[in-house]
Amino acid sequence: MTDLRHYDVIVSPAITEKSTLVSEYNQVVFNVAKDASKPEIKAAVEALFGVKVKAVNTLVRKGKTKRFRGFSGKQKDVKKAVITLVDGQSIDVSTGI
């Protein structure tokens, strides 16, 4: 896989209350591309951050239907990846790549 594809796979870190709680268990949460597979996500994280990945779990949050001033709209679907790192490894998501 080319290095440019790694930047397309990892969209952004997910900074939420829940993602900061799982950081105690050596896990990091990223928003990823909808068509990204688990091996692609693992390769991208290992290449971009220089860490060893133990496991990758993915989930797709379906977009909600919302109303704003009488107009109906739909939020986008978001795919997230929960990355479990090998013991002793860590990623600081507050800094850039």
PDB file of N, CA and C in Angstrom:
ATOM      1  N   MET A   1       0.850  -1.166   0.000  1.00  0.00           N
ATOM      2  CA  MET A   1       0.000   0.000   0.000  1.00  0.00           C
ATOM      3  C   MET A   1       0.902   1.237   0.000  1.00  0.00           C
ATOM      4  N   THR A   2       0.568   2.208  -0.800  1.00  0.00           N
ATOM      5  CA  THR A   2       1.384   3.402  -0.889  1.00  0.00           C
ATOM      6  C   THR A   2       1.188   4.282   0.338  1.00  0.00           C
ATOM      7  N   ASP A   3       2.175   5.155   0.562  1.00  0.00           N
ATOM      8  CA  ASP A   3       2.129   6.005   1.737  1.00  0.00           C
ATOM      9  C   ASP A   3       0.991   7.017   1.665  1.00  0.00           C
ATOM     10  N   LEU A   4       0.627   7.459   0.455  1.00  0.00           N
ATOM     11  CA  LEU A   4      -0.469   8.419   0.325  1.00  0.00           C
ATOM     12  C   LEU A   4      -1.807   7.811   0.720  1.00  0.00           C
ATOM     13  N   ARG A   5      -1.989   6.538   0.473  1.00  0.00           N
ATOM     14  CA  ARG A   5      -3.237   5.868   0.841  1.00  0.00           C
ATOM     15  C   ARG A   5      -3.395   5.825   2.367  1.00  0.00           C
ATOM     16  N   HIS A   6      -2.279   5.768   3.100  1.00  0.00           N
ATOM     17  CA  HIS A   6      -2.366   5.759   4.561  1.00  0.00           C
ATOM     18  C   HIS A   6      -3.058   7.022   5.072  1.00  0.00           C
ATOM     19  N   TYR A   7      -2.767   8.159   4.446  1.00  0.00           N
ATOM     20  CA  TYR A   7      -3.392   9.411   4.864  1.00  0.00           C
ATOM     21  C   TYR A   7      -4.875   9.451   4.492  1.00  0.00           C
ATOM     22  N   ASP A   8      -5.284   8.706   3.477  1.00  0.00           N
ATOM     23  CA  ASP A   8      -6.695   8.640   3.101  1.00  0.00           C
ATOM     24  C   ASP A   8      -7.478   7.708   4.017  1.00  0.00           C
ATOM     25  N   VAL A   9      -6.810   6.692   4.557  1.00  0.00           N
ATOM     26  CA  VAL A   9      -7.484   5.719   5.424  1.00  0.00           C
ATOM     27  C   VAL A   9      -7.810   6.355   6.772  1.00  0.00           C
ATOM     28  N   ILE A  10      -6.833   6.983   7.407  1.00  0.00           N
ATOM     29  CA  ILE A  10      -7.036   7.621   8.709  1.00  0.00           C
ATOM     30  C   ILE A  10      -7.526   9.052   8.459  1.00  0.00           C
ATOM     31  N   VAL A  11      -8.794   9.326   8.761  1.00  0.00           N
ATOM     32  CA  VAL A  11      -9.366  10.643   8.497  1.00  0.00           C
ATOM     33  C   VAL A  11      -9.014  11.612   9.622  1.00  0.00           C
ATOM     34  N   SER A  12      -9.303  11.233  10.876  1.00  0.00           N
ATOM     35  CA  SER A  12      -9.025  12.107  12.009  1.00  0.00           C
ATOM     36  C   SER A  12      -9.117  11.296  13.300  1.00  0.00           C
ATOM     37  N   PRO A  13      -8.492  11.794  14.370  1.00  0.00           N
ATOM     38  CA  PRO A  13      -8.708  11.137  15.666  1.00  0.00           C
ATOM     39  C   PRO A  13     -10.073  11.523  16.213  1.00  0.00           C
ATOM     40  N   ALA A  14     -10.704  10.603  16.906  1.00  0.00           N
ATOM     41  CA  ALA A  14     -12.001  10.874  17.527  1.00  0.00           C
ATOM     42  C   ALA A  14     -11.744  11.275  18.976  1.00  0.00           C
ATOM     43  N   ILE A  15     -11.896  12.560  19.260  1.00  0.00           N
ATOM     44  CA  ILE A  15     -11.656  13.067  20.605  1.00  0.00           C
ATOM     45  C   ILE A  15     -13.009  13.233  21.290  1.00  0.00           C
ATOM     46  N   THR A  16     -13.394  12.232  22.059  1.00  0.00           N
ATOM     47  CA  THR A  16     -14.646  12.256  22.796  1.00  0.00           C
ATOM     48  C   THR A  16     -14.372  11.800  24.220  1.00  0.00           C
ATOM     49  N   GLU A  17     -15.372  11.918  25.059  1.00  0.00           N
ATOM     50  CA  GLU A  17     -15.226  11.478  26.441  1.00  0.00           C
ATOM     51  C   GLU A  17     -14.969   9.972  26.499  1.00  0.00           C
ATOM     52  N   LYS A  18     -15.672   9.237  25.663  1.00  0.00           N
ATOM     53  CA  LYS A  18     -15.520   7.787  25.657  1.00  0.00           C
ATOM     54  C   LYS A  18     -14.132   7.375  25.138  1.00  0.00           C
ATOM     55  N   SER A  19     -13.625   8.086  24.128  1.00  0.00           N
ATOM     56  CA  SER A  19     -12.311   7.725  23.589  1.00  0.00           C
ATOM     57  C   SER A  19     -11.189   8.036  24.574  1.00  0.00           C
ATOM     58  N   THR A  20     -11.366   9.057  25.414  1.00  0.00           N
ATOM     59  CA  THR A  20     -10.354   9.313  26.429  1.00  0.00           C
ATOM     60  C   THR A  20     -10.416   8.285  27.553  1.00  0.00           C
ATOM     61  N   LEU A  21     -11.587   7.731  27.806  1.00  0.00           N
ATOM     62  CA  LEU A  21     -11.695   6.684  28.827  1.00  0.00           C
ATOM     63  C   LEU A  21     -11.023   5.386  28.379  1.00  0.00           C
ATOM     64  N   VAL A  22     -11.127   5.030  27.088  1.00  0.00           N
ATOM     65  CA  VAL A  22     -10.516   3.783  26.621  1.00  0.00           C
ATOM     66  C   VAL A  22      -9.004   3.911  26.474  1.00  0.00           C
ATOM     67  N   SER A  23      -8.480   5.146  26.558  1.00  0.00           N
ATOM     68  CA  SER A  23      -7.030   5.310  26.479  1.00  0.00           C
ATOM     69  C   SER A  23      -6.334   4.683  27.686  1.00  0.00           C
ATOM     70  N   GLU A  24      -7.052   4.486  28.770  1.00  0.00           N
ATOM     71  CA  GLU A  24      -6.493   3.792  29.931  1.00  0.00           C
ATOM     72  C   GLU A  24      -6.190   2.328  29.616  1.00  0.00           C
ATOM     73  N   TYR A  25      -6.888   1.762  28.638  1.00  0.00           N
ATOM     74  CA  TYR A  25      -6.698   0.363  28.260  1.00  0.00           C
ATOM     75  C   TYR A  25      -5.812   0.235  27.030  1.00  0.00           C
ATOM     76  N   ASN A  26      -4.987   1.264  26.765  1.00  0.00           N
ATOM     77  CA  ASN A  26      -4.032   1.254  25.651  1.00  0.00           C
ATOM     78  C   ASN A  26      -4.751   1.187  24.299  1.00  0.00           C
ATOM     79  N   GLN A  27      -5.860   1.931  24.175  1.00  0.00           N
ATOM     80  CA  GLN A  27      -6.622   1.977  22.943  1.00  0.00           C
ATOM     81  C   GLN A  27      -6.739   3.417  22.455  1.00  0.00           C
ATOM     82  N   VAL A  28      -6.851   3.585  21.138  1.00  0.00           N
ATOM     83  CA  VAL A  28      -7.010   4.887  20.500  1.00  0.00           C
ATOM     84  C   VAL A  28      -8.140   4.768  19.489  1.00  0.00           C
ATOM     85  N   VAL A  29      -8.952   5.833  19.339  1.00  0.00           N
ATOM     86  CA  VAL A  29     -10.089   5.816  18.429  1.00  0.00           C
ATOM     87  C   VAL A  29      -9.833   6.802  17.291  1.00  0.00           C
ATOM     88  N   PHE A  30     -10.035   6.334  16.048  1.00  0.00           N
ATOM     89  CA  PHE A  30      -9.870   7.166  14.867  1.00  0.00           C
ATOM     90  C   PHE A  30     -11.120   7.094  14.010  1.00  0.00           C
ATOM     91  N   ASN A  31     -11.458   8.207  13.335  1.00  0.00           N
ATOM     92  CA  ASN A  31     -12.433   8.179  12.254  1.00  0.00           C
ATOM     93  C   ASN A  31     -11.683   7.720  11.016  1.00  0.00           C
ATOM     94  N   VAL A  32     -12.226   6.756  10.293  1.00  0.00           N
ATOM     95  CA  VAL A  32     -11.549   6.192   9.129  1.00  0.00           C
ATOM     96  C   VAL A  32     -12.460   6.259   7.910  1.00  0.00           C
ATOM     97  N   ALA A  33     -11.881   6.001   6.741  1.00  0.00           N
ATOM     98  CA  ALA A  33     -12.655   5.991   5.499  1.00  0.00           C
ATOM     99  C   ALA A  33     -13.659   4.845   5.535  1.00  0.00           C
ATOM    100  N   LYS A  34     -14.814   5.060   4.891  1.00  0.00           N
ATOM    101  CA  LYS A  34     -15.878   4.044   4.920  1.00  0.00           C
ATOM    102  C   LYS A  34     -15.485   2.753   4.229  1.00  0.00           C
ATOM    103  N   ASP A  35     -14.597   2.837   3.219  1.00  0.00           N
ATOM    104  CA  ASP A  35     -14.215   1.642   2.478  1.00  0.00           C
ATOM    105  C   ASP A  35     -12.936   0.995   3.003  1.00  0.00           C
ATOM    106  N   ALA A  36     -12.416   1.460   4.126  1.00  0.00           N
ATOM    107  CA  ALA A  36     -11.167   0.921   4.675  1.00  0.00           C
ATOM    108  C   ALA A  36     -11.419  -0.396   5.395  1.00  0.00           C
ATOM    109  N   SER A  37     -10.540  -1.365   5.162  1.00  0.00           N
ATOM    110  CA  SER A  37     -10.643  -2.655   5.837  1.00  0.00           C
ATOM    111  C   SER A  37      -9.736  -2.663   7.068  1.00  0.00           C
ATOM    112  N   LYS A  38      -9.902  -3.666   7.914  1.00  0.00           N
ATOM    113  CA  LYS A  38      -9.094  -3.761   9.130  1.00  0.00           C
ATOM    114  C   LYS A  38      -7.600  -3.884   8.832  1.00  0.00           C
ATOM    115  N   PRO A  39      -7.169  -4.714   7.865  1.00  0.00           N
ATOM    116  CA  PRO A  39      -5.730  -4.768   7.555  1.00  0.00           C
ATOM    117  C   PRO A  39      -5.183  -3.435   7.031  1.00  0.00           C
ATOM    118  N   GLU A  40      -5.984  -2.708   6.253  1.00  0.00           N
ATOM    119  CA  GLU A  40      -5.550  -1.395   5.768  1.00  0.00           C
ATOM    120  C   GLU A  40      -5.399  -0.405   6.916  1.00  0.00           C
ATOM    121  N   ILE A  41      -6.339  -0.436   7.857  1.00  0.00           N
ATOM    122  CA  ILE A  41      -6.279   0.466   9.001  1.00  0.00           C
ATOM    123  C   ILE A  41      -5.054   0.136   9.855  1.00  0.00           C
ATOM    124  N   LYS A  42      -4.807  -1.145  10.081  1.00  0.00           N
ATOM    125  CA  LYS A  42      -3.651  -1.560  10.877  1.00  0.00           C
ATOM    126  C   LYS A  42      -2.351  -1.110  10.214  1.00  0.00           C
ATOM    127  N   ALA A  43      -2.234  -1.310   8.906  1.00  0.00           N
ATOM    128  CA  ALA A  43      -1.021  -0.907   8.187  1.00  0.00           C
ATOM    129  C   ALA A  43      -0.833   0.598   8.221  1.00  0.00           C
ATOM    130  N   ALA A  44      -1.918   1.356   8.107  1.00  0.00           N
ATOM    131  CA  ALA A  44      -1.825   2.816   8.110  1.00  0.00           C
ATOM    132  C   ALA A  44      -1.372   3.337   9.464  1.00  0.00           C
ATOM    133  N   VAL A  45      -1.929   2.796  10.547  1.00  0.00           N
ATOM    134  CA  VAL A  45      -1.547   3.259  11.890  1.00  0.00           C
ATOM    135  C   VAL A  45      -0.094   2.903  12.179  1.00  0.00           C
ATOM    136  N   GLU A  46       0.312   1.696  11.813  1.00  0.00           N
ATOM    137  CA  GLU A  46       1.697   1.290  12.059  1.00  0.00           C
ATOM    138  C   GLU A  46       2.677   2.130  11.250  1.00  0.00           C
ATOM    139  N   ALA A  47       2.320   2.482  10.019  1.00  0.00           N
ATOM    140  CA  ALA A  47       3.220   3.261   9.175  1.00  0.00           C
ATOM    141  C   ALA A  47       3.278   4.727   9.594  1.00  0.00           C
ATOM    142  N   LEU A  48       2.133   5.325   9.912  1.00  0.00           N
ATOM    143  CA  LEU A  48       2.098   6.752  10.216  1.00  0.00           C
ATOM    144  C   LEU A  48       2.615   7.082  11.609  1.00  0.00           C
ATOM    145  N   PHE A  49       2.329   6.230  12.582  1.00  0.00           N
ATOM    146  CA  PHE A  49       2.687   6.544  13.962  1.00  0.00           C
ATOM    147  C   PHE A  49       3.866   5.738  14.479  1.00  0.00           C
ATOM    148  N   GLY A  50       4.309   4.724  13.760  1.00  0.00           N
ATOM    149  CA  GLY A  50       5.466   3.933  14.181  1.00  0.00           C
ATOM    150  C   GLY A  50       5.219   3.121  15.435  1.00  0.00           C
ATOM    151  N   VAL A  51       4.019   2.551  15.564  1.00  0.00           N
ATOM    152  CA  VAL A  51       3.672   1.731  16.723  1.00  0.00           C
ATOM    153  C   VAL A  51       3.268   0.336  16.248  1.00  0.00           C
ATOM    154  N   LYS A  52       3.162  -0.596  17.187  1.00  0.00           N
ATOM    155  CA  LYS A  52       2.738  -1.957  16.887  1.00  0.00           C
ATOM    156  C   LYS A  52       1.287  -2.118  17.331  1.00  0.00           C
ATOM    157  N   VAL A  53       0.423  -2.557  16.411  1.00  0.00           N
ATOM    158  CA  VAL A  53      -1.015  -2.696  16.675  1.00  0.00           C
ATOM    159  C   VAL A  53      -1.332  -4.139  17.024  1.00  0.00           C
ATOM    160  N   LYS A  54      -2.077  -4.318  18.118  1.00  0.00           N
ATOM    161  CA  LYS A  54      -2.498  -5.657  18.523  1.00  0.00           C
ATOM    162  C   LYS A  54      -3.807  -6.053  17.860  1.00  0.00           C
ATOM    163  N   ALA A  55      -4.801  -5.134  17.846  1.00  0.00           N
ATOM    164  CA  ALA A  55      -6.115  -5.457  17.296  1.00  0.00           C
ATOM    165  C   ALA A  55      -6.789  -4.202  16.755  1.00  0.00           C
ATOM    166  N   VAL A  56      -7.695  -4.414  15.795  1.00  0.00           N
ATOM    167  CA  VAL A  56      -8.486  -3.325  15.221  1.00  0.00           C
ATOM    168  C   VAL A  56      -9.950  -3.741  15.266  1.00  0.00           C
ATOM    169  N   ASN A  57     -10.777  -2.929  15.918  1.00  0.00           N
ATOM    170  CA  ASN A  57     -12.221  -3.134  15.931  1.00  0.00           C
ATOM    171  C   ASN A  57     -12.865  -1.950  15.233  1.00  0.00           C
ATOM    172  N   THR A  58     -13.837  -2.212  14.372  1.00  0.00           N
ATOM    173  CA  THR A  58     -14.480  -1.129  13.623  1.00  0.00           C
ATOM    174  C   THR A  58     -15.969  -1.089  13.936  1.00  0.00           C
ATOM    175  N   LEU A  59     -16.550   0.101  13.732  1.00  0.00           N
ATOM    176  CA  LEU A  59     -17.989   0.273  13.875  1.00  0.00           C
ATOM    177  C   LEU A  59     -18.425   1.366  12.917  1.00  0.00           C
ATOM    178  N   VAL A  60     -19.682   1.304  12.488  1.00  0.00           N
ATOM    179  CA  VAL A  60     -20.248   2.317  11.606  1.00  0.00           C
ATOM    180  C   VAL A  60     -21.421   2.959  12.336  1.00  0.00           C
ATOM    181  N   ARG A  61     -21.299   4.268  12.588  1.00  0.00           N
ATOM    182  CA  ARG A  61     -22.393   5.014  13.205  1.00  0.00           C
ATOM    183  C   ARG A  61     -23.233   5.585  12.081  1.00  0.00           C
ATOM    184  N   LYS A  62     -24.462   5.119  11.992  1.00  0.00           N
ATOM    185  CA  LYS A  62     -25.357   5.585  10.936  1.00  0.00           C
ATOM    186  C   LYS A  62     -25.766   7.029  11.209  1.00  0.00           C
ATOM    187  N   GLY A  63     -25.888   7.820  10.151  1.00  0.00           N
ATOM    188  CA  GLY A  63     -26.256   9.220  10.280  1.00  0.00           C
ATOM    189  C   GLY A  63     -27.698   9.385  10.724  1.00  0.00           C
ATOM    190  N   LYS A  64     -27.905  10.328  11.614  1.00  0.00           N
ATOM    191  CA  LYS A  64     -29.243  10.585  12.127  1.00  0.00           C
ATOM    192  C   LYS A  64     -29.988  11.549  11.205  1.00  0.00           C
ATOM    193  N   THR A  65     -31.313  11.479  11.242  1.00  0.00           N
ATOM    194  CA  THR A  65     -32.141  12.457  10.536  1.00  0.00           C
ATOM    195  C   THR A  65     -32.449  13.582  11.519  1.00  0.00           C
ATOM    196  N   LYS A  66     -32.097  14.789  11.138  1.00  0.00           N
ATOM    197  CA  LYS A  66     -32.289  15.956  11.998  1.00  0.00           C
ATOM    198  C   LYS A  66     -33.149  16.987  11.281  1.00  0.00           C
ATOM    199  N   ARG A  67     -33.832  17.844  12.065  1.00  0.00           N
ATOM    200  CA  ARG A  67     -34.622  18.927  11.508  1.00  0.00           C
ATOM    201  C   ARG A  67     -34.049  20.237  12.019  1.00  0.00           C
ATOM    202  N   PHE A  68     -33.923  21.203  11.107  1.00  0.00           N
ATOM    203  CA  PHE A  68     -33.428  22.520  11.466  1.00  0.00           C
ATOM    204  C   PHE A  68     -34.288  23.563  10.781  1.00  0.00           C
ATOM    205  N   ARG A  69     -35.014  24.346  11.562  1.00  0.00           N
ATOM    206  CA  ARG A  69     -35.903  25.388  11.054  1.00  0.00           C
ATOM    207  C   ARG A  69     -36.899  24.866  10.015  1.00  0.00           C
ATOM    208  N   GLY A  70     -37.435  23.690  10.271  1.00  0.00           N
ATOM    209  CA  GLY A  70     -38.444  23.134   9.383  1.00  0.00           C
ATOM    210  C   GLY A  70     -37.901  22.307   8.236  1.00  0.00           C
ATOM    211  N   PHE A  71     -36.589  22.343   8.020  1.00  0.00           N
ATOM    212  CA  PHE A  71     -36.001  21.562   6.936  1.00  0.00           C
ATOM    213  C   PHE A  71     -35.411  20.276   7.486  1.00  0.00           C
ATOM    214  N   SER A  72     -35.677  19.201   6.786  1.00  0.00           N
ATOM    215  CA  SER A  72     -35.171  17.896   7.197  1.00  0.00           C
ATOM    216  C   SER A  72     -33.831  17.632   6.518  1.00  0.00           C
ATOM    217  N   GLY A  73     -32.914  17.082   7.274  1.00  0.00           N
ATOM    218  CA  GLY A  73     -31.603  16.754   6.724  1.00  0.00           C
ATOM    219  C   GLY A  73     -31.080  15.482   7.363  1.00  0.00           C
ATOM    220  N   LYS A  74     -30.009  14.943   6.798  1.00  0.00           N
ATOM    221  CA  LYS A  74     -29.425  13.711   7.310  1.00  0.00           C
ATOM    222  C   LYS A  74     -27.942  13.913   7.523  1.00  0.00           C
ATOM    223  N   GLN A  75     -27.454  13.486   8.698  1.00  0.00           N
ATOM    224  CA  GLN A  75     -26.024  13.532   8.964  1.00  0.00           C
ATOM    225  C   GLN A  75     -25.342  12.388   8.230  1.00  0.00           C
ATOM    226  N   LYS A  76     -24.058  12.516   8.001  1.00  0.00           N
ATOM    227  CA  LYS A  76     -23.314  11.496   7.281  1.00  0.00           C
ATOM    228  C   LYS A  76     -23.042  10.290   8.171  1.00  0.00           C
ATOM    229  N   ASP A  77     -22.894   9.121   7.537  1.00  0.00           N
ATOM    230  CA  ASP A  77     -22.451   7.930   8.243  1.00  0.00           C
ATOM    231  C   ASP A  77     -20.965   8.084   8.546  1.00  0.00           C
ATOM    232  N   VAL A  78     -20.540   7.592   9.724  1.00  0.00           N
ATOM    233  CA  VAL A  78     -19.153   7.708  10.141  1.00  0.00           C
ATOM    234  C   VAL A  78     -18.639   6.332  10.538  1.00  0.00           C
ATOM    235  N   LYS A  79     -17.495   5.939  10.000  1.00  0.00           N
ATOM    236  CA  LYS A  79     -16.857   4.690  10.385  1.00  0.00           C
ATOM    237  C   LYS A  79     -15.727   5.012  11.352  1.00  0.00           C
ATOM    238  N   LYS A  80     -15.716   4.320  12.478  1.00  0.00           N
ATOM    239  CA  LYS A  80     -14.687   4.525  13.494  1.00  0.00           C
ATOM    240  C   LYS A  80     -13.910   3.236  13.691  1.00  0.00           C
ATOM    241  N   ALA A  81     -12.654   3.378  14.084  1.00  0.00           N
ATOM    242  CA  ALA A  81     -11.806   2.229  14.373  1.00  0.00           C
ATOM    243  C   ALA A  81     -11.232   2.391  15.766  1.00  0.00           C
ATOM    244  N   VAL A  82     -11.385   1.357  16.589  1.00  0.00           N
ATOM    245  CA  VAL A  82     -10.790   1.323  17.914  1.00  0.00           C
ATOM    246  C   VAL A  82      -9.532   0.484  17.796  1.00  0.00           C
ATOM    247  N   ILE A  83      -8.374   1.142  17.959  1.00  0.00           N
ATOM    248  CA  ILE A  83      -7.078   0.501  17.781  1.00  0.00           C
ATOM    249  C   ILE A  83      -6.537   0.118  19.149  1.00  0.00           C
ATOM    250  N   THR A  84      -6.246  -1.174  19.351  1.00  0.00           N
ATOM    251  CA  THR A  84      -5.610  -1.639  20.575  1.00  0.00           C
ATOM    252  C   THR A  84      -4.124  -1.795  20.290  1.00  0.00           C
ATOM    253  N   LEU A  85      -3.310  -1.114  21.080  1.00  0.00           N
ATOM    254  CA  LEU A  85      -1.871  -1.132  20.884  1.00  0.00           C
ATOM    255  C   LEU A  85      -1.223  -2.185  21.770  1.00  0.00           C
ATOM    256  N   VAL A  86      -0.035  -2.643  21.355  1.00  0.00           N
ATOM    257  CA  VAL A  86       0.745  -3.581  22.151  1.00  0.00           C
ATOM    258  C   VAL A  86       1.197  -2.864  23.416  1.00  0.00           C
ATOM    259  N   ASP A  87       1.355  -3.602  24.520  1.00  0.00           N
ATOM    260  CA  ASP A  87       1.771  -3.000  25.786  1.00  0.00           C
ATOM    261  C   ASP A  87       3.092  -2.264  25.616  1.00  0.00           C
ATOM    262  N   GLY A  88       3.150  -1.062  26.190  1.00  0.00           N
ATOM    263  CA  GLY A  88       4.344  -0.240  26.080  1.00  0.00           C
ATOM    264  C   GLY A  88       4.304   0.755  24.940  1.00  0.00           C
ATOM    265  N   GLN A  89       3.354   0.633  24.014  1.00  0.00           N
ATOM    266  CA  GLN A  89       3.229   1.551  22.889  1.00  0.00           C
ATOM    267  C   GLN A  89       2.171   2.612  23.230  1.00  0.00           C
ATOM    268  N   SER A  90       2.304   3.802  22.649  1.00  0.00           N
ATOM    269  CA  SER A  90       1.306   4.845  22.864  1.00  0.00           C
ATOM    270  C   SER A  90       1.317   5.802  21.694  1.00  0.00           C
ATOM    271  N   ILE A  91       0.163   6.463  21.479  1.00  0.00           N
ATOM    272  CA  ILE A  91       0.012   7.476  20.430  1.00  0.00           C
ATOM    273  C   ILE A  91      -0.518   8.729  21.112  1.00  0.00           C
ATOM    274  N   ASP A  92       0.127   9.879  20.865  1.00  0.00           N
ATOM    275  CA  ASP A  92      -0.337  11.154  21.366  1.00  0.00           C
ATOM    276  C   ASP A  92      -1.147  11.808  20.252  1.00  0.00           C
ATOM    277  N   VAL A  93      -2.487  11.767  20.368  1.00  0.00           N
ATOM    278  CA  VAL A  93      -3.333  12.285  19.296  1.00  0.00           C
ATOM    279  C   VAL A  93      -3.460  13.800  19.334  1.00  0.00           C
ATOM    280  N   SER A  94      -2.950  14.441  20.391  1.00  0.00           N
ATOM    281  CA  SER A  94      -3.050  15.899  20.465  1.00  0.00           C
ATOM    282  C   SER A  94      -2.014  16.589  19.562  1.00  0.00           C
ATOM    283  N   THR A  95      -0.985  15.859  19.127  1.00  0.00           N
ATOM    284  CA  THR A  95       0.005  16.431  18.227  1.00  0.00           C
ATOM    285  C   THR A  95      -0.268  15.960  16.816  1.00  0.00           C
ATOM    286  N   GLY A  96       0.223  16.693  15.831  1.00  0.00           N
ATOM    287  CA  GLY A  96       0.026  16.330  14.432  1.00  0.00           C
ATOM    288  C   GLY A  96       1.000  15.253  13.994  1.00  0.00           C
ATOM    289  N   ILE A  97       0.800  14.789  12.768  1.00  0.00           N
ATOM    290  CA  ILE A  97       1.674  13.743  12.214  1.00  0.00           C
ATOM    291  C   ILE A  97       2.902  14.401  11.643  1.00  0.00           C
TER     292      ILE A  97
END
